[in-house]
Protein backbone atom coordinates (compact mmCIF):
# COMPACT_ATOMS: atom_id res chain seq x y z
CA UNK A 1 0.00 0.00 0.00
CA UNK A 2 1.43 3.41 -0.98
CA UNK A 3 2.12 5.72 1.96
CA UNK A 4 -0.06 8.82 2.02
CA UNK A 5 2.04 11.94 1.56
CA UNK A 6 1.80 15.06 3.72
CA UNK A 7 3.19 18.42 2.64
CA UNK A 8 3.18 21.50 4.88
CA UNK A 9 3.22 24.95 3.27
CA UNK A 10 4.16 27.67 5.77
CA UNK A 11 4.07 31.43 5.40
CA UNK A 12 1.56 34.27 5.10
CA UNK A 13 -1.86 34.10 3.47
CA UNK A 14 -2.11 37.79 2.58
CA UNK A 15 -5.29 39.56 1.62
CA UNK A 16 -3.98 40.74 -1.76
CA UNK A 17 -5.16 43.57 -3.98
CA UNK A 18 -3.36 43.26 -7.31
CA UNK A 19 -3.25 45.77 -10.15
CA UNK A 20 -1.96 43.80 -13.13
CA UNK A 21 0.24 45.25 -15.86
CA UNK A 22 -2.88 45.30 -18.06
CA UNK A 23 -4.70 47.38 -15.40
CA UNK A 24 -7.02 44.63 -14.21
CA UNK A 25 -7.77 44.55 -10.47
CA UNK A 26 -7.63 41.16 -8.74
CA UNK A 27 -8.56 40.63 -5.08
CA UNK A 28 -7.80 37.29 -3.46
CA UNK A 29 -5.84 35.49 -0.75
CA UNK A 30 -2.33 34.81 -1.99
CA UNK A 31 1.15 33.46 -1.21
CA UNK A 32 0.62 30.14 0.65
CA UNK A 33 -2.70 29.71 -1.16
CA UNK A 34 -1.03 29.18 -4.57
CA UNK A 35 1.19 26.17 -3.72
CA UNK A 36 -1.44 24.69 -1.40
CA UNK A 37 -4.09 24.51 -4.13
CA UNK A 38 -1.59 23.39 -6.77
CA UNK A 39 -0.39 20.59 -4.46
CA UNK A 40 -3.96 19.69 -3.50
CA UNK A 41 -4.76 19.01 -7.16
CA UNK A 42 -1.54 17.08 -7.71
CA UNK A 43 -1.84 14.88 -4.63
CA UNK A 44 -5.62 14.37 -4.73
CA UNK A 45 -6.26 11.05 -2.91
CA UNK A 46 -2.53 10.38 -2.52
CA UNK A 47 -1.98 12.84 0.31
CA UNK A 48 -2.84 15.97 2.24
CA UNK A 49 -1.62 19.56 2.17
CA UNK A 50 -1.48 21.56 5.40
CA UNK A 51 -1.15 25.34 5.23
CA UNK A 52 0.48 26.79 8.35
CA UNK A 53 -0.15 30.51 8.72
CA UNK A 54 -1.08 33.22 11.20
CA UNK A 55 -4.00 35.34 10.03
CA UNK A 56 -6.44 38.08 11.00
CA UNK A 57 -9.65 36.85 12.64
CA UNK A 58 -11.74 38.63 10.03
CA UNK A 59 -9.97 36.69 7.25
CA UNK A 60 -10.65 33.22 8.66
CA UNK A 61 -13.99 32.76 6.90
CA UNK A 62 -12.69 34.06 3.56
CA UNK A 63 -9.61 31.84 3.71
CA UNK A 64 -11.72 28.80 4.60
CA UNK A 65 -13.93 29.59 1.61
CA UNK A 66 -10.86 29.81 -0.64
CA UNK A 67 -9.94 26.22 0.27
CA UNK A 68 -13.43 24.71 0.63
CA UNK A 69 -13.43 22.89 -2.72
CA UNK A 70 -10.19 21.05 -1.95
CA UNK A 71 -10.95 18.11 0.32
CA UNK A 72 -7.34 17.12 0.99
CA UNK A 73 -6.40 20.54 2.41
CA UNK A 74 -6.15 20.36 6.23
CA UNK A 75 -6.78 23.77 7.81
CA UNK A 76 -5.58 22.73 11.29
CA UNK A 77 -2.46 24.87 10.85
CA UNK A 78 -4.37 28.14 10.33
CA UNK A 79 -4.14 30.29 13.47
CA UNK A 80 -6.10 33.50 14.14
CA UNK A 81 -5.80 33.64 17.95
CA UNK A 82 -3.41 36.61 17.96
CA UNK A 83 -5.35 38.39 15.16
CA UNK A 84 -2.11 39.13 13.28
CA UNK A 85 -2.18 38.53 9.53
CA UNK A 86 -0.93 40.07 6.28
CA UNK A 87 -2.41 42.63 3.88
CA UNK A 88 -0.60 43.46 0.62
CA UNK A 89 -1.08 45.90 -2.27
CA UNK A 90 0.69 44.95 -5.54
CA UNK A 91 0.97 47.33 -8.48
CA UNK A 92 2.55 45.71 -11.56
CA UNK A 93 4.46 48.03 -13.90
CA UNK A 94 5.06 45.20 -16.39
CA UNK A 95 4.55 41.44 -16.22
CA UNK A 96 7.55 40.88 -13.89
CA UNK A 97 8.16 44.15 -12.00
CA UNK A 98 5.88 45.61 -9.36
CA UNK A 99 5.63 48.07 -6.50
CA UNK A 100 4.57 46.57 -3.18
CA UNK A 101 3.04 47.94 -0.01
CA UNK A 102 2.37 45.94 3.14
CA UNK A 103 -0.34 47.14 5.53
CA UNK A 104 -0.18 44.46 8.25
CA UNK A 105 2.50 42.28 9.86
CA UNK A 106 1.87 38.58 10.40
CA UNK A 107 3.00 37.00 13.65
CA UNK A 108 6.13 34.96 12.87
CA UNK A 109 5.73 31.21 12.48
CA UNK A 110 7.47 29.65 15.47
CA UNK A 111 8.04 26.04 16.59
CA UNK A 112 4.73 26.02 18.49
CA UNK A 113 2.90 26.52 15.19
CA UNK A 114 4.62 23.57 13.53
CA UNK A 115 4.93 21.02 16.36
CA UNK A 116 1.71 19.17 15.41
CA UNK A 117 2.96 18.66 11.86
CA UNK A 118 6.32 16.94 12.37
CA UNK A 119 5.09 13.92 10.38
CA UNK A 120 5.24 15.83 7.09
CA UNK A 121 7.28 14.52 4.14
CA UNK A 122 8.13 18.05 3.02
CA UNK A 123 7.95 21.57 4.41
CA UNK A 124 7.64 24.49 2.00
CA UNK A 125 8.46 27.89 3.50
CA UNK A 126 7.31 30.82 1.37
CA UNK A 127 7.86 33.99 3.45
CA UNK A 128 7.39 37.29 1.67
CA UNK A 129 9.06 39.44 4.37
CA UNK A 130 12.07 38.74 6.57
CA UNK A 131 10.24 38.48 9.93
CA UNK A 132 7.63 35.85 9.00
CA UNK A 133 9.59 32.63 9.62
CA UNK A 134 11.69 32.22 12.77
CA UNK A 135 15.05 30.48 12.41
CA UNK A 136 14.13 28.51 15.52
CA UNK A 137 11.35 26.86 13.49
CA UNK A 138 13.76 25.44 10.92
CA UNK A 139 16.06 24.24 13.70
CA UNK A 140 13.10 22.59 15.42
CA UNK A 141 12.08 20.73 12.27
CA UNK A 142 15.66 19.59 11.63
CA UNK A 143 15.83 18.15 15.13
CA UNK A 144 12.41 16.50 15.29
CA UNK A 145 11.34 15.61 11.74
CA UNK A 146 12.65 13.68 8.74
CA UNK A 147 10.78 15.90 6.27
CA UNK A 148 12.73 17.85 3.65
CA UNK A 149 12.87 21.63 4.18
CA UNK A 150 12.31 23.78 1.07
CA UNK A 151 12.91 27.50 1.60
CA UNK A 152 12.07 30.42 -0.69
CA UNK A 153 14.59 33.26 -0.23
CA UNK A 154 12.06 35.96 -1.17
CA UNK A 155 11.27 36.72 2.47
CA UNK A 156 14.87 36.70 3.62
CA UNK A 157 15.79 39.29 0.97
CA UNK A 158 12.79 41.60 1.51
CA UNK A 159 12.20 44.16 4.28
CA UNK A 160 9.32 46.44 5.17
CA UNK A 161 9.79 50.04 6.34
CA UNK A 162 7.57 51.92 8.79
CA UNK A 163 5.47 53.31 5.92
CA UNK A 164 4.68 49.80 4.68
CA UNK A 165 6.92 50.08 1.62
CA UNK A 166 8.74 46.87 0.77
CA UNK A 167 12.39 46.93 -0.23
CA UNK A 168 15.13 44.52 -1.26
CA UNK A 169 17.78 43.85 1.41
CA UNK A 170 21.01 41.89 1.63
CA UNK A 171 20.63 38.53 3.36
CA UNK A 172 23.52 39.32 5.69
CA UNK A 173 22.92 36.50 8.21
CA UNK A 174 22.47 33.82 5.55
CA UNK A 175 25.09 31.53 7.10
CA UNK A 176 22.90 31.20 10.20
CA UNK A 177 20.07 29.81 8.05
CA UNK A 178 21.73 27.68 5.38
CA UNK A 179 22.61 24.65 7.58
CA UNK A 180 18.89 24.20 8.29
CA UNK A 181 17.68 24.36 4.68
CA UNK A 182 17.69 21.29 2.41
CA UNK A 183 16.44 22.95 -0.78
CA UNK A 184 16.97 26.66 -1.36
CA UNK A 185 15.05 28.48 -4.09
CA UNK A 186 15.36 32.08 -5.28
CA UNK A 187 15.21 34.26 -8.37
CA UNK A 188 18.15 36.03 -9.98
CA UNK A 189 17.48 39.33 -8.23
CA UNK A 190 17.34 37.61 -4.85
CA UNK A 191 20.60 35.79 -5.60
CA UNK A 192 22.24 39.20 -6.01
CA UNK A 193 21.06 40.00 -2.46
CA UNK A 194 23.25 37.13 -1.25
CA UNK A 195 26.35 38.24 -3.18
CA UNK A 196 27.64 41.48 -1.77
CA UNK A 197 31.07 43.04 -1.42
CA UNK A 198 33.03 43.39 1.81
CA UNK A 199 32.94 47.12 1.22
CA UNK A 200 31.56 49.43 -1.47
CA UNK A 201 33.24 52.63 -2.61
CA UNK A 202 30.93 55.64 -2.56
CA UNK A 203 27.80 53.83 -3.79
CA UNK A 204 26.23 50.36 -3.86
CA UNK A 205 25.39 49.37 -7.46
CA UNK A 206 21.86 48.38 -8.47
CA UNK A 207 20.94 44.70 -8.27
CA UNK A 208 18.27 45.01 -10.97
CA UNK A 209 20.29 43.37 -13.74
CA UNK A 210 18.84 40.25 -15.36
CA UNK A 211 22.08 39.65 -17.28
CA UNK A 212 24.25 39.53 -14.13
CA UNK A 213 24.87 35.81 -13.64
CA UNK A 214 28.64 35.75 -13.08
CA UNK A 215 28.21 35.45 -9.32
CA UNK A 216 26.02 32.34 -9.39
CA UNK A 217 28.64 29.56 -9.41
CA UNK A 218 30.54 31.07 -6.46
CA UNK A 219 27.28 31.64 -4.61
CA UNK A 220 26.19 28.06 -5.28
CA UNK A 221 29.49 26.71 -3.94
CA UNK A 222 29.05 28.74 -0.77
CA UNK A 223 25.40 27.77 -0.27
CA UNK A 224 26.02 24.06 -0.84
CA UNK A 225 29.10 23.90 1.36
CA UNK A 226 27.11 25.48 4.19
CA UNK A 227 24.71 22.52 4.17
CA UNK A 228 22.07 23.09 1.49
CA UNK A 229 21.65 19.98 -0.69
CA UNK A 230 19.95 21.51 -3.74
CA UNK A 231 20.02 25.14 -4.91
CA UNK A 232 17.62 26.46 -7.57
CA UNK A 233 17.86 29.88 -9.22
CA UNK A 234 14.90 30.86 -11.39
CA UNK A 235 15.47 33.00 -14.47
CA UNK A 236 11.92 34.14 -15.25
CA UNK A 237 10.81 32.92 -18.71
CA UNK A 238 14.16 31.26 -19.39
CA UNK A 239 13.83 28.46 -16.85
CA UNK A 240 15.93 27.62 -13.81
CA UNK A 241 19.39 26.41 -12.83
CA UNK A 242 19.82 23.50 -10.41
CA UNK A 243 23.08 23.32 -8.46
CA UNK A 244 24.26 20.43 -6.33
CA UNK A 245 27.58 18.93 -5.22
CA UNK A 246 28.63 15.65 -6.82
CA UNK A 247 31.76 14.06 -5.35
CA UNK A 248 32.60 17.43 -3.85
CA UNK A 249 32.41 19.25 -7.18
CA UNK A 250 29.78 21.69 -8.36
CA UNK A 251 27.23 20.16 -10.74
CA UNK A 252 24.94 22.48 -12.70
CA UNK A 253 21.80 21.49 -14.63
CA UNK A 254 19.76 23.83 -16.80
CA UNK A 255 16.02 23.11 -16.69
CA UNK A 256 14.29 24.95 -19.53
CA UNK A 257 11.06 26.84 -18.96
CA UNK A 258 7.58 25.86 -20.04
CA UNK A 259 6.56 28.18 -22.86
CA UNK A 260 3.22 29.97 -22.60
CA UNK A 261 1.40 31.98 -25.26
CA UNK A 262 0.31 34.86 -23.02
CA UNK A 263 1.05 35.88 -19.45
CA UNK A 264 -2.07 36.99 -17.56
CA UNK A 265 -0.75 37.43 -14.00
CA UNK A 266 2.61 36.46 -12.46
CA UNK A 267 1.53 36.85 -8.83
CA UNK A 268 2.28 33.62 -6.97
CA UNK A 269 4.61 32.16 -9.61
CA UNK A 270 7.52 31.84 -7.20
CA UNK A 271 5.30 30.34 -4.51
CA UNK A 272 3.87 27.86 -7.03
CA UNK A 273 7.40 26.99 -8.16
CA UNK A 274 8.30 26.11 -4.57
CA UNK A 275 5.22 23.88 -4.39
CA UNK A 276 6.38 22.05 -7.49
CA UNK A 277 9.73 21.38 -5.84
CA UNK A 278 7.95 19.88 -2.83
CA UNK A 279 5.92 17.59 -5.07
CA UNK A 280 8.98 16.39 -6.99
CA UNK A 281 10.96 15.65 -3.85
CA UNK A 282 8.12 14.18 -1.75
CA UNK A 283 6.81 11.89 -4.49
CA UNK A 284 9.90 11.12 -6.62
CA UNK A 285 12.93 12.24 -4.57
CA UNK A 286 14.37 13.49 -7.87
CA UNK A 287 15.90 17.01 -7.99
CA UNK A 288 15.72 17.34 -11.79
CA UNK A 289 12.13 16.15 -11.95
CA UNK A 290 11.34 18.47 -9.02
CA UNK A 291 12.69 21.39 -11.06
CA UNK A 292 10.54 20.35 -14.00
CA UNK A 293 7.37 20.23 -11.89
CA UNK A 294 8.36 23.57 -10.37
CA UNK A 295 8.68 25.16 -13.81
CA UNK A 296 5.30 23.74 -14.80
CA UNK A 297 3.49 25.09 -11.72
CA UNK A 298 5.15 28.49 -12.11
CA UNK A 299 4.12 28.66 -15.77
CA UNK A 300 0.59 27.45 -15.09
CA UNK A 301 0.11 30.17 -12.45
CA UNK A 302 0.60 32.84 -15.15
CA UNK A 303 -2.30 31.51 -17.22
CA UNK A 304 -5.30 32.97 -15.43
CA UNK A 305 -6.82 34.63 -12.40
CA UNK A 306 -8.44 31.59 -10.77
CA UNK A 307 -7.39 28.13 -9.58
CA UNK A 308 -8.34 26.33 -12.80
CA UNK A 309 -4.80 27.06 -14.00
CA UNK A 310 -3.52 24.18 -11.85
CA UNK A 311 -4.05 20.67 -13.20
CA UNK A 312 -4.31 17.10 -11.91
CA UNK A 313 -1.26 14.88 -11.50
CA UNK A 314 -2.02 13.08 -14.77
CA UNK A 315 -2.49 16.32 -16.73
CA UNK A 316 0.64 17.82 -15.18
CA UNK A 317 2.66 14.71 -15.98
CA UNK A 318 1.52 14.94 -19.59
CA UNK A 319 2.81 18.52 -19.70
CA UNK A 320 6.09 17.38 -18.18
CA UNK A 321 6.62 14.53 -20.62
CA UNK A 322 5.68 16.66 -23.65
CA UNK A 323 8.25 19.29 -22.63
CA UNK A 324 11.03 17.24 -21.03
CA UNK A 325 10.50 13.65 -22.15
CA UNK A 326 10.42 10.62 -19.85
């Protein structure tokens, strides 16, 4: 009998208001919601998905409604006792770049929020701001669970000022975190927040350079030698790079993107990508296949404004085989 899988997705469930680059307005619950619903459809009767998040009391009913059609989603990890959730405004200037404003701060996810879910096969952490996941939580999982820890660097490289404006930041204390992360995922811009000089002369250069990839191999070596097993860097529509150590040497695999005819909305693509990694590792324990599923879920998220963009395991596998082969 096949063991039932359990995947935990931890992070905020923000009440999002999104102005797309085509000037459409979308209002929904985001972040954790994207990978949870994608994984729910993939796992179906094969397993459960447990979102772990701290939310506002007034959002509990709306969040429950968001998940009501997905029977294998366990809402036991949703906590509103402290009445501390997340509210986000997103204004897209083009399909990839946006201005962000945060109007509420979620209580950080601590060991007490995760202790009932130590039987999970995989943990997906998708913070959007640097205070939302406590390092103690990763340490607690490492000590008490055998589940693989997948961490999205978006939160660690994003800060919020006292006006609610969200800004990129260097992940200065990264070496404190890396030993407790099995799979690290980030985009190119976030990778540049991990590669910074000992000292800058006069001015710090901009990190907004999608052609700046020369730092990636050195960064990968550092990340992997600090304890991360698999390191993924996404390159928007180009695909992603998978780094791992093989016999002590850096191994790099390019996993091409899934082509789409038209991008409708990119909100949640990175979160969905992280969910695809969890599926590939939990079900197949295959880092290349995990990257393929991640690319598929990220691409599917761009294809509409509702949850119909995500497909069943069979449909998703057909997409994978048609793009990557067996």
